[in-house]
Amino acid sequence: MLAMLSQARYDDGTAMSRGHLADELLTLLTAGHETTATTLAWTVERLRRHPEVRRRLVAEGRPGR
């Protein structure tokens, strides 16, 4: 999860600040499994509704990029 968050970019191409990254990670780690499960379910649901974003995400995750 940390690797994914550290590679995340805003729409303008800028990276998350270290503080924001730490806040997101802390939330996922300490909020409990219900919050993590809900976050993952929401992410999958959003990706299913936006196949173009899913294709970009898959392409970015491929080795050798």
Protein backbone atom coordinates (compact mmCIF):
# COMPACT_ATOMS: atom_id res chain seq x y z
CA MET A 1 0.00 0.00 0.00
CA LEU A 2 2.84 2.38 0.81
CA ALA A 3 4.39 1.82 -2.61
CA MET A 4 1.09 2.62 -4.29
CA LEU A 5 0.55 5.74 -2.23
CA SER A 6 4.09 6.98 -2.82
CA GLN A 7 3.55 6.69 -6.59
CA ALA A 8 0.15 8.41 -6.54
CA ARG A 9 -0.14 11.72 -8.37
CA TYR A 10 -2.71 14.49 -8.31
CA ASP A 11 -4.38 15.51 -11.56
CA ASP A 12 -1.72 18.17 -12.11
CA GLY A 13 1.05 15.54 -11.85
CA THR A 14 2.39 16.53 -8.44
CA ALA A 15 3.10 13.92 -5.79
CA MET A 16 1.45 13.74 -2.39
CA SER A 17 3.28 15.59 0.32
CA ARG A 18 5.02 13.45 2.93
CA GLY A 19 2.52 14.67 5.50
CA HIS A 20 -0.48 13.72 3.39
CA LEU A 21 1.11 10.37 2.57
CA ALA A 22 1.69 9.70 6.28
CA ASP A 23 -1.91 10.69 7.10
CA GLU A 24 -3.33 8.34 4.46
CA LEU A 25 -1.16 5.44 5.58
CA LEU A 26 -1.93 6.03 9.24
CA THR A 27 -5.66 6.08 8.49
CA LEU A 28 -5.47 2.78 6.62
CA LEU A 29 -3.34 1.13 9.30
CA THR A 30 -5.17 2.30 12.40
CA ALA A 31 -8.77 2.70 11.35
CA GLY A 32 -9.49 -1.00 11.55
CA HIS A 33 -10.19 -3.70 9.05
CA GLU A 34 -13.69 -2.41 8.30
CA THR A 35 -12.33 0.88 7.00
CA THR A 36 -9.63 -0.85 4.98
CA ALA A 37 -12.14 -3.28 3.49
CA THR A 38 -14.52 -0.44 2.66
CA THR A 39 -11.71 1.57 1.04
CA LEU A 40 -10.66 -1.38 -1.09
CA ALA A 41 -14.25 -2.16 -2.07
CA TRP A 42 -14.85 1.47 -3.00
CA THR A 43 -11.65 1.49 -5.09
CA VAL A 44 -12.67 -1.65 -6.98
CA GLU A 45 -16.15 -0.24 -7.56
CA ARG A 46 -14.71 3.03 -8.94
CA LEU A 47 -12.30 1.15 -11.20
CA ARG A 48 -15.15 -0.97 -12.58
CA ARG A 49 -17.11 2.17 -13.44
CA HIS A 50 -14.11 3.82 -15.14
CA PRO A 51 -12.40 1.27 -17.40
CA GLU A 52 -10.12 3.91 -18.94
CA VAL A 53 -8.67 4.67 -15.52
CA ARG A 54 -8.30 0.94 -14.83
CA ARG A 55 -6.37 0.50 -18.11
CA ARG A 56 -4.03 3.37 -17.21
CA LEU A 57 -3.49 1.94 -13.73
CA VAL A 58 -2.65 -1.49 -15.13
CA ALA A 59 -0.26 0.05 -17.67
CA GLU A 60 1.49 2.07 -14.94
CA GLY A 61 1.92 -1.02 -12.81
CA ARG A 62 3.67 -3.03 -15.49
CA PRO A 63 7.42 -3.58 -15.03
CA GLY A 64 9.73 -1.78 -17.42
CA ARG A 65 7.73 1.42 -17.61
